[in-house]
């Protein structure tokens, strides 16, 4: 069992990989900005399919850009 001190120490920002944190930040922004706050009652509705496709495309664009940055570096 780990102590509270060890858990808090491991969660500090100096123990985190800044590249991973940056990528997570890139992925969080489109998720929040483009999320739909409405309730979807039909699981396979056209609106839900369109939102899912748009979100998938945005994530693919972000990952493509991150891969390009890493490849160029």
PDB file of N, CA and C in Angstrom:
ATOM      1  N   UNK A   1       0.843  -1.174   0.000  1.00  0.00           N
ATOM      2  CA  UNK A   1       0.000   0.000   0.000  1.00  0.00           C
ATOM      3  C   UNK A   1       0.894   1.245   0.000  1.00  0.00           C
ATOM      4  N   UNK A   2       0.550   2.204  -0.837  1.00  0.00           N
ATOM      5  CA  UNK A   2       1.359   3.418  -0.921  1.00  0.00           C
ATOM      6  C   UNK A   2       0.860   4.465   0.062  1.00  0.00           C
ATOM      7  N   UNK A   3       1.788   5.264   0.507  1.00  0.00           N
ATOM      8  CA  UNK A   3       1.426   6.318   1.450  1.00  0.00           C
ATOM      9  C   UNK A   3       0.860   7.513   0.697  1.00  0.00           C
ATOM     10  N   UNK A   4       0.199   8.361   1.414  1.00  0.00           N
ATOM     11  CA  UNK A   4      -0.376   9.571   0.823  1.00  0.00           C
ATOM     12  C   UNK A   4       0.729  10.454   0.238  1.00  0.00           C
ATOM     13  N   UNK A   5       1.861  10.521   0.914  1.00  0.00           N
ATOM     14  CA  UNK A   5       2.985  11.328   0.437  1.00  0.00           C
ATOM     15  C   UNK A   5       3.451  10.849  -0.935  1.00  0.00           C
ATOM     16  N   UNK A   6       3.571   9.541  -1.103  1.00  0.00           N
ATOM     17  CA  UNK A   6       4.027   9.001  -2.389  1.00  0.00           C
ATOM     18  C   UNK A   6       3.014   9.267  -3.493  1.00  0.00           C
ATOM     19  N   UNK A   7       1.742   9.136  -3.177  1.00  0.00           N
ATOM     20  CA  UNK A   7       0.709   9.387  -4.185  1.00  0.00           C
ATOM     21  C   UNK A   7       0.737  10.845  -4.608  1.00  0.00           C
ATOM     22  N   UNK A   8       0.793  11.764  -3.661  1.00  0.00           N
ATOM     23  CA  UNK A   8       0.822  13.189  -3.985  1.00  0.00           C
ATOM     24  C   UNK A   8       2.103  13.558  -4.725  1.00  0.00           C
ATOM     25  N   UNK A   9       3.209  12.954  -4.369  1.00  0.00           N
ATOM     26  CA  UNK A   9       4.482  13.232  -5.038  1.00  0.00           C
ATOM     27  C   UNK A   9       4.430  12.783  -6.496  1.00  0.00           C
ATOM     28  N   UNK A  10       3.824  11.630  -6.738  1.00  0.00           N
ATOM     29  CA  UNK A  10       3.742  11.106  -8.100  1.00  0.00           C
ATOM     30  C   UNK A  10       2.812  11.938  -8.975  1.00  0.00           C
ATOM     31  N   UNK A  11       1.848  12.618  -8.377  1.00  0.00           N
ATOM     32  CA  UNK A  11       0.895  13.404  -9.146  1.00  0.00           C
ATOM     33  C   UNK A  11       1.400  14.804  -9.477  1.00  0.00           C
ATOM     34  N   UNK A  12       2.518  15.196  -8.931  1.00  0.00           N
ATOM     35  CA  UNK A  12       3.042  16.537  -9.190  1.00  0.00           C
ATOM     36  C   UNK A  12       3.468  16.667 -10.644  1.00  0.00           C
ATOM     37  N   UNK A  13       3.419  17.900 -11.133  1.00  0.00           N
ATOM     38  CA  UNK A  13       3.672  18.132 -12.559  1.00  0.00           C
ATOM     39  C   UNK A  13       5.095  17.784 -12.978  1.00  0.00           C
ATOM     40  N   UNK A  14       6.057  17.834 -12.074  1.00  0.00           N
ATOM     41  CA  UNK A  14       7.430  17.512 -12.472  1.00  0.00           C
ATOM     42  C   UNK A  14       7.603  16.033 -12.792  1.00  0.00           C
ATOM     43  N   UNK A  15       6.649  15.218 -12.418  1.00  0.00           N
ATOM     44  CA  UNK A  15       6.726  13.784 -12.702  1.00  0.00           C
ATOM     45  C   UNK A  15       6.005  13.422 -13.998  1.00  0.00           C
ATOM     46  N   UNK A  16       5.427  14.400 -14.666  1.00  0.00           N
ATOM     47  CA  UNK A  16       4.657  14.124 -15.872  1.00  0.00           C
ATOM     48  C   UNK A  16       5.454  14.492 -17.112  1.00  0.00           C
ATOM     49  N   UNK A  17       5.210  13.761 -18.171  1.00  0.00           N
ATOM     50  CA  UNK A  17       5.844  14.044 -19.452  1.00  0.00           C
ATOM     51  C   UNK A  17       5.100  15.216 -20.095  1.00  0.00           C
ATOM     52  N   UNK A  18       5.806  16.296 -20.356  1.00  0.00           N
ATOM     53  CA  UNK A  18       5.164  17.502 -20.869  1.00  0.00           C
ATOM     54  C   UNK A  18       4.620  17.314 -22.285  1.00  0.00           C
ATOM     55  N   UNK A  19       5.238  16.468 -23.100  1.00  0.00           N
ATOM     56  CA  UNK A  19       4.711  16.211 -24.437  1.00  0.00           C
ATOM     57  C   UNK A  19       3.349  15.526 -24.356  1.00  0.00           C
ATOM     58  N   UNK A  20       3.244  14.536 -23.478  1.00  0.00           N
ATOM     59  CA  UNK A  20       1.971  13.831 -23.310  1.00  0.00           C
ATOM     60  C   UNK A  20       0.909  14.784 -22.778  1.00  0.00           C
ATOM     61  N   UNK A  21       1.267  15.630 -21.822  1.00  0.00           N
ATOM     62  CA  UNK A  21       0.315  16.599 -21.280  1.00  0.00           C
ATOM     63  C   UNK A  21      -0.134  17.572 -22.366  1.00  0.00           C
ATOM     64  N   UNK A  22       0.773  17.979 -23.250  1.00  0.00           N
ATOM     65  CA  UNK A  22       0.434  18.890 -24.334  1.00  0.00           C
ATOM     66  C   UNK A  22      -0.530  18.229 -25.316  1.00  0.00           C
ATOM     67  N   UNK A  23      -0.283  16.973 -25.657  1.00  0.00           N
ATOM     68  CA  UNK A  23      -1.173  16.246 -26.563  1.00  0.00           C
ATOM     69  C   UNK A  23      -2.549  16.069 -25.925  1.00  0.00           C
ATOM     70  N   UNK A  24      -2.593  15.750 -24.639  1.00  0.00           N
ATOM     71  CA  UNK A  24      -3.877  15.626 -23.952  1.00  0.00           C
ATOM     72  C   UNK A  24      -4.641  16.943 -23.973  1.00  0.00           C
ATOM     73  N   UNK A  25      -3.917  18.050 -23.832  1.00  0.00           N
ATOM     74  CA  UNK A  25      -4.554  19.362 -23.911  1.00  0.00           C
ATOM     75  C   UNK A  25      -5.118  19.639 -25.294  1.00  0.00           C
ATOM     76  N   UNK A  26      -4.394  19.227 -26.335  1.00  0.00           N
ATOM     77  CA  UNK A  26      -4.893  19.394 -27.699  1.00  0.00           C
ATOM     78  C   UNK A  26      -6.176  18.604 -27.920  1.00  0.00           C
ATOM     79  N   UNK A  27      -6.249  17.421 -27.343  1.00  0.00           N
ATOM     80  CA  UNK A  27      -7.424  16.573 -27.534  1.00  0.00           C
ATOM     81  C   UNK A  27      -8.610  17.034 -26.708  1.00  0.00           C
ATOM     82  N   UNK A  28      -8.373  17.683 -25.579  1.00  0.00           N
ATOM     83  CA  UNK A  28      -9.464  18.109 -24.707  1.00  0.00           C
ATOM     84  C   UNK A  28     -10.223  19.291 -25.287  1.00  0.00           C
ATOM     85  N   UNK A  29      -9.540  20.184 -25.983  1.00  0.00           N
ATOM     86  CA  UNK A  29     -10.188  21.404 -26.472  1.00  0.00           C
ATOM     87  C   UNK A  29     -11.305  21.113 -27.465  1.00  0.00           C
ATOM     88  N   UNK A  30     -11.093  20.350 -28.551  1.00  0.00           N
ATOM     89  CA  UNK A  30     -12.204  20.113 -29.468  1.00  0.00           C
ATOM     90  C   UNK A  30     -13.323  19.316 -28.828  1.00  0.00           C
ATOM     91  N   UNK A  31     -12.990  18.454 -27.889  1.00  0.00           N
ATOM     92  CA  UNK A  31     -14.032  17.680 -27.226  1.00  0.00           C
ATOM     93  C   UNK A  31     -14.974  18.602 -26.471  1.00  0.00           C
ATOM     94  N   UNK A  32     -14.427  19.581 -25.763  1.00  0.00           N
ATOM     95  CA  UNK A  32     -15.250  20.500 -24.977  1.00  0.00           C
ATOM     96  C   UNK A  32     -15.959  21.501 -25.876  1.00  0.00           C
ATOM     97  N   UNK A  33     -15.249  22.070 -26.841  1.00  0.00           N
ATOM     98  CA  UNK A  33     -15.835  23.110 -27.680  1.00  0.00           C
ATOM     99  C   UNK A  33     -16.933  22.586 -28.597  1.00  0.00           C
ATOM    100  N   UNK A  34     -16.822  21.353 -29.048  1.00  0.00           N
ATOM    101  CA  UNK A  34     -17.766  20.836 -30.027  1.00  0.00           C
ATOM    102  C   UNK A  34     -18.725  19.801 -29.450  1.00  0.00           C
ATOM    103  N   UNK A  35     -18.762  19.668 -28.143  1.00  0.00           N
ATOM    104  CA  UNK A  35     -19.702  18.719 -27.552  1.00  0.00           C
ATOM    105  C   UNK A  35     -21.106  19.316 -27.591  1.00  0.00           C
ATOM    106  N   UNK A  36     -22.066  18.469 -27.716  1.00  0.00           N
ATOM    107  CA  UNK A  36     -23.457  18.902 -27.776  1.00  0.00           C
ATOM    108  C   UNK A  36     -24.091  18.713 -26.400  1.00  0.00           C
ATOM    109  N   UNK A  37     -24.562  19.795 -25.768  1.00  0.00           N
ATOM    110  CA  UNK A  37     -25.118  19.660 -24.420  1.00  0.00           C
ATOM    111  C   UNK A  37     -26.533  19.108 -24.395  1.00  0.00           C
ATOM    112  N   UNK A  38     -27.082  18.748 -25.530  1.00  0.00           N
ATOM    113  CA  UNK A  38     -28.447  18.246 -25.578  1.00  0.00           C
ATOM    114  C   UNK A  38     -28.467  16.747 -25.317  1.00  0.00           C
ATOM    115  N   UNK A  39     -29.599  16.284 -24.879  1.00  0.00           N
ATOM    116  CA  UNK A  39     -29.780  14.856 -24.615  1.00  0.00           C
ATOM    117  C   UNK A  39     -30.228  14.187 -25.906  1.00  0.00           C
ATOM    118  N   UNK A  40     -29.608  13.092 -26.238  1.00  0.00           N
ATOM    119  CA  UNK A  40     -29.969  12.348 -27.440  1.00  0.00           C
ATOM    120  C   UNK A  40     -30.782  11.139 -27.000  1.00  0.00           C
ATOM    121  N   UNK A  41     -32.030  11.099 -27.442  1.00  0.00           N
ATOM    122  CA  UNK A  41     -32.905  10.014 -27.010  1.00  0.00           C
ATOM    123  C   UNK A  41     -32.787   8.787 -27.905  1.00  0.00           C
ATOM    124  N   UNK A  42     -32.552   8.996 -29.178  1.00  0.00           N
ATOM    125  CA  UNK A  42     -32.399   7.868 -30.085  1.00  0.00           C
ATOM    126  C   UNK A  42     -30.915   7.633 -30.308  1.00  0.00           C
ATOM    127  N   UNK A  43     -30.479   6.464 -29.982  1.00  0.00           N
ATOM    128  CA  UNK A  43     -29.048   6.167 -29.994  1.00  0.00           C
ATOM    129  C   UNK A  43     -28.444   6.209 -31.393  1.00  0.00           C
ATOM    130  N   UNK A  44     -29.207   5.914 -32.410  1.00  0.00           N
ATOM    131  CA  UNK A  44     -28.675   5.871 -33.776  1.00  0.00           C
ATOM    132  C   UNK A  44     -29.294   6.969 -34.645  1.00  0.00           C
ATOM    133  N   UNK A  45     -29.558   8.118 -34.075  1.00  0.00           N
ATOM    134  CA  UNK A  45     -30.159   9.206 -34.840  1.00  0.00           C
ATOM    135  C   UNK A  45     -29.136   9.817 -35.793  1.00  0.00           C
ATOM    136  N   UNK A  46     -29.630  10.531 -36.798  1.00  0.00           N
ATOM    137  CA  UNK A  46     -28.759  11.181 -37.785  1.00  0.00           C
ATOM    138  C   UNK A  46     -27.883  12.235 -37.122  1.00  0.00           C
ATOM    139  N   UNK A  47     -28.434  12.960 -36.153  1.00  0.00           N
ATOM    140  CA  UNK A  47     -27.674  14.003 -35.459  1.00  0.00           C
ATOM    141  C   UNK A  47     -26.488  13.397 -34.714  1.00  0.00           C
ATOM    142  N   UNK A  48     -26.707  12.298 -34.043  1.00  0.00           N
ATOM    143  CA  UNK A  48     -25.636  11.642 -33.297  1.00  0.00           C
ATOM    144  C   UNK A  48     -24.555  11.113 -34.234  1.00  0.00           C
ATOM    145  N   UNK A  49     -24.961  10.574 -35.358  1.00  0.00           N
ATOM    146  CA  UNK A  49     -23.997  10.059 -36.331  1.00  0.00           C
ATOM    147  C   UNK A  49     -23.159  11.198 -36.901  1.00  0.00           C
ATOM    148  N   UNK A  50     -23.787  12.339 -37.175  1.00  0.00           N
ATOM    149  CA  UNK A  50     -23.053  13.491 -37.713  1.00  0.00           C
ATOM    150  C   UNK A  50     -22.071  14.042 -36.691  1.00  0.00           C
ATOM    151  N   UNK A  51     -22.484  14.135 -35.434  1.00  0.00           N
ATOM    152  CA  UNK A  51     -21.596  14.628 -34.377  1.00  0.00           C
ATOM    153  C   UNK A  51     -20.419  13.674 -34.189  1.00  0.00           C
ATOM    154  N   UNK A  52     -20.689  12.377 -34.208  1.00  0.00           N
ATOM    155  CA  UNK A  52     -19.619  11.391 -34.042  1.00  0.00           C
ATOM    156  C   UNK A  52     -18.628  11.460 -35.204  1.00  0.00           C
ATOM    157  N   UNK A  53     -19.119  11.618 -36.416  1.00  0.00           N
ATOM    158  CA  UNK A  53     -18.229  11.708 -37.577  1.00  0.00           C
ATOM    159  C   UNK A  53     -17.383  12.973 -37.524  1.00  0.00           C
ATOM    160  N   UNK A  54     -17.991  14.088 -37.122  1.00  0.00           N
ATOM    161  CA  UNK A  54     -17.253  15.348 -37.009  1.00  0.00           C
ATOM    162  C   UNK A  54     -16.172  15.253 -35.939  1.00  0.00           C
ATOM    163  N   UNK A  55     -16.511  14.667 -34.801  1.00  0.00           N
ATOM    164  CA  UNK A  55     -15.537  14.505 -33.723  1.00  0.00           C
ATOM    165  C   UNK A  55     -14.397  13.589 -34.154  1.00  0.00           C
ATOM    166  N   UNK A  56     -14.727  12.509 -34.828  1.00  0.00           N
ATOM    167  CA  UNK A  56     -13.703  11.584 -35.321  1.00  0.00           C
ATOM    168  C   UNK A  56     -12.756  12.290 -36.284  1.00  0.00           C
ATOM    169  N   UNK A  57     -13.303  13.118 -37.175  1.00  0.00           N
ATOM    170  CA  UNK A  57     -12.468  13.842 -38.134  1.00  0.00           C
ATOM    171  C   UNK A  57     -11.551  14.832 -37.423  1.00  0.00           C
ATOM    172  N   UNK A  58     -12.046  15.525 -36.411  1.00  0.00           N
ATOM    173  CA  UNK A  58     -11.223  16.491 -35.677  1.00  0.00           C
ATOM    174  C   UNK A  58     -10.073  15.788 -34.944  1.00  0.00           C
ATOM    175  N   UNK A  59     -10.376  14.667 -34.301  1.00  0.00           N
ATOM    176  CA  UNK A  59      -9.310  13.924 -33.624  1.00  0.00           C
ATOM    177  C   UNK A  59      -8.277  13.403 -34.624  1.00  0.00           C
ATOM    178  N   UNK A  60      -8.727  12.941 -35.778  1.00  0.00           N
ATOM    179  CA  UNK A  60      -7.793  12.458 -36.800  1.00  0.00           C
ATOM    180  C   UNK A  60      -6.887  13.585 -37.287  1.00  0.00           C
ATOM    181  N   UNK A  61      -7.452  14.782 -37.453  1.00  0.00           N
ATOM    182  CA  UNK A  61      -6.637  15.929 -37.874  1.00  0.00           C
ATOM    183  C   UNK A  61      -5.595  16.281 -36.818  1.00  0.00           C
ATOM    184  N   UNK A  62      -5.997  16.260 -35.556  1.00  0.00           N
ATOM    185  CA  UNK A  62      -5.064  16.587 -34.471  1.00  0.00           C
ATOM    186  C   UNK A  62      -3.936  15.565 -34.416  1.00  0.00           C
ATOM    187  N   UNK A  63      -4.268  14.279 -34.477  1.00  0.00           N
ATOM    188  CA  UNK A  63      -3.229  13.249 -34.433  1.00  0.00           C
ATOM    189  C   UNK A  63      -2.309  13.332 -35.652  1.00  0.00           C
ATOM    190  N   UNK A  64      -2.871  13.655 -36.820  1.00  0.00           N
ATOM    191  CA  UNK A  64      -2.033  13.814 -38.011  1.00  0.00           C
ATOM    192  C   UNK A  64      -1.047  14.961 -37.813  1.00  0.00           C
ATOM    193  N   UNK A  65      -1.527  16.078 -37.250  1.00  0.00           N
ATOM    194  CA  UNK A  65      -0.641  17.220 -37.003  1.00  0.00           C
ATOM    195  C   UNK A  65       0.436  16.893 -35.973  1.00  0.00           C
ATOM    196  N   UNK A  66       0.069  16.157 -34.924  1.00  0.00           N
ATOM    197  CA  UNK A  66       1.053  15.764 -33.907  1.00  0.00           C
ATOM    198  C   UNK A  66       2.096  14.832 -34.521  1.00  0.00           C
ATOM    199  N   UNK A  67       1.656  13.876 -35.333  1.00  0.00           N
ATOM    200  CA  UNK A  67       2.604  12.979 -35.998  1.00  0.00           C
ATOM    201  C   UNK A  67       3.552  13.754 -36.910  1.00  0.00           C
ATOM    202  N   UNK A  68       3.036  14.762 -37.613  1.00  0.00           N
ATOM    203  CA  UNK A  68       3.881  15.583 -38.482  1.00  0.00           C
ATOM    204  C   UNK A  68       4.903  16.358 -37.668  1.00  0.00           C
ATOM    205  N   UNK A  69       4.483  16.920 -36.541  1.00  0.00           N
ATOM    206  CA  UNK A  69       5.419  17.639 -35.676  1.00  0.00           C
ATOM    207  C   UNK A  69       6.532  16.727 -35.169  1.00  0.00           C
ATOM    208  N   UNK A  70       6.164  15.521 -34.756  1.00  0.00           N
ATOM    209  CA  UNK A  70       7.159  14.576 -34.240  1.00  0.00           C
ATOM    210  C   UNK A  70       8.093  14.135 -35.362  1.00  0.00           C
ATOM    211  N   UNK A  71       7.546  13.882 -36.537  1.00  0.00           N
ATOM    212  CA  UNK A  71       8.365  13.457 -37.670  1.00  0.00           C
ATOM    213  C   UNK A  71       9.339  14.561 -38.087  1.00  0.00           C
ATOM    214  N   UNK A  72       8.890  15.816 -38.058  1.00  0.00           N
ATOM    215  CA  UNK A  72       9.756  16.935 -38.432  1.00  0.00           C
ATOM    216  C   UNK A  72      10.839  17.195 -37.403  1.00  0.00           C
ATOM    217  N   UNK A  73      10.579  16.839 -36.173  1.00  0.00           N
ATOM    218  CA  UNK A  73      11.552  17.093 -35.111  1.00  0.00           C
ATOM    219  C   UNK A  73      12.698  16.116 -35.227  1.00  0.00           C
TER     220      UNK A  73
END
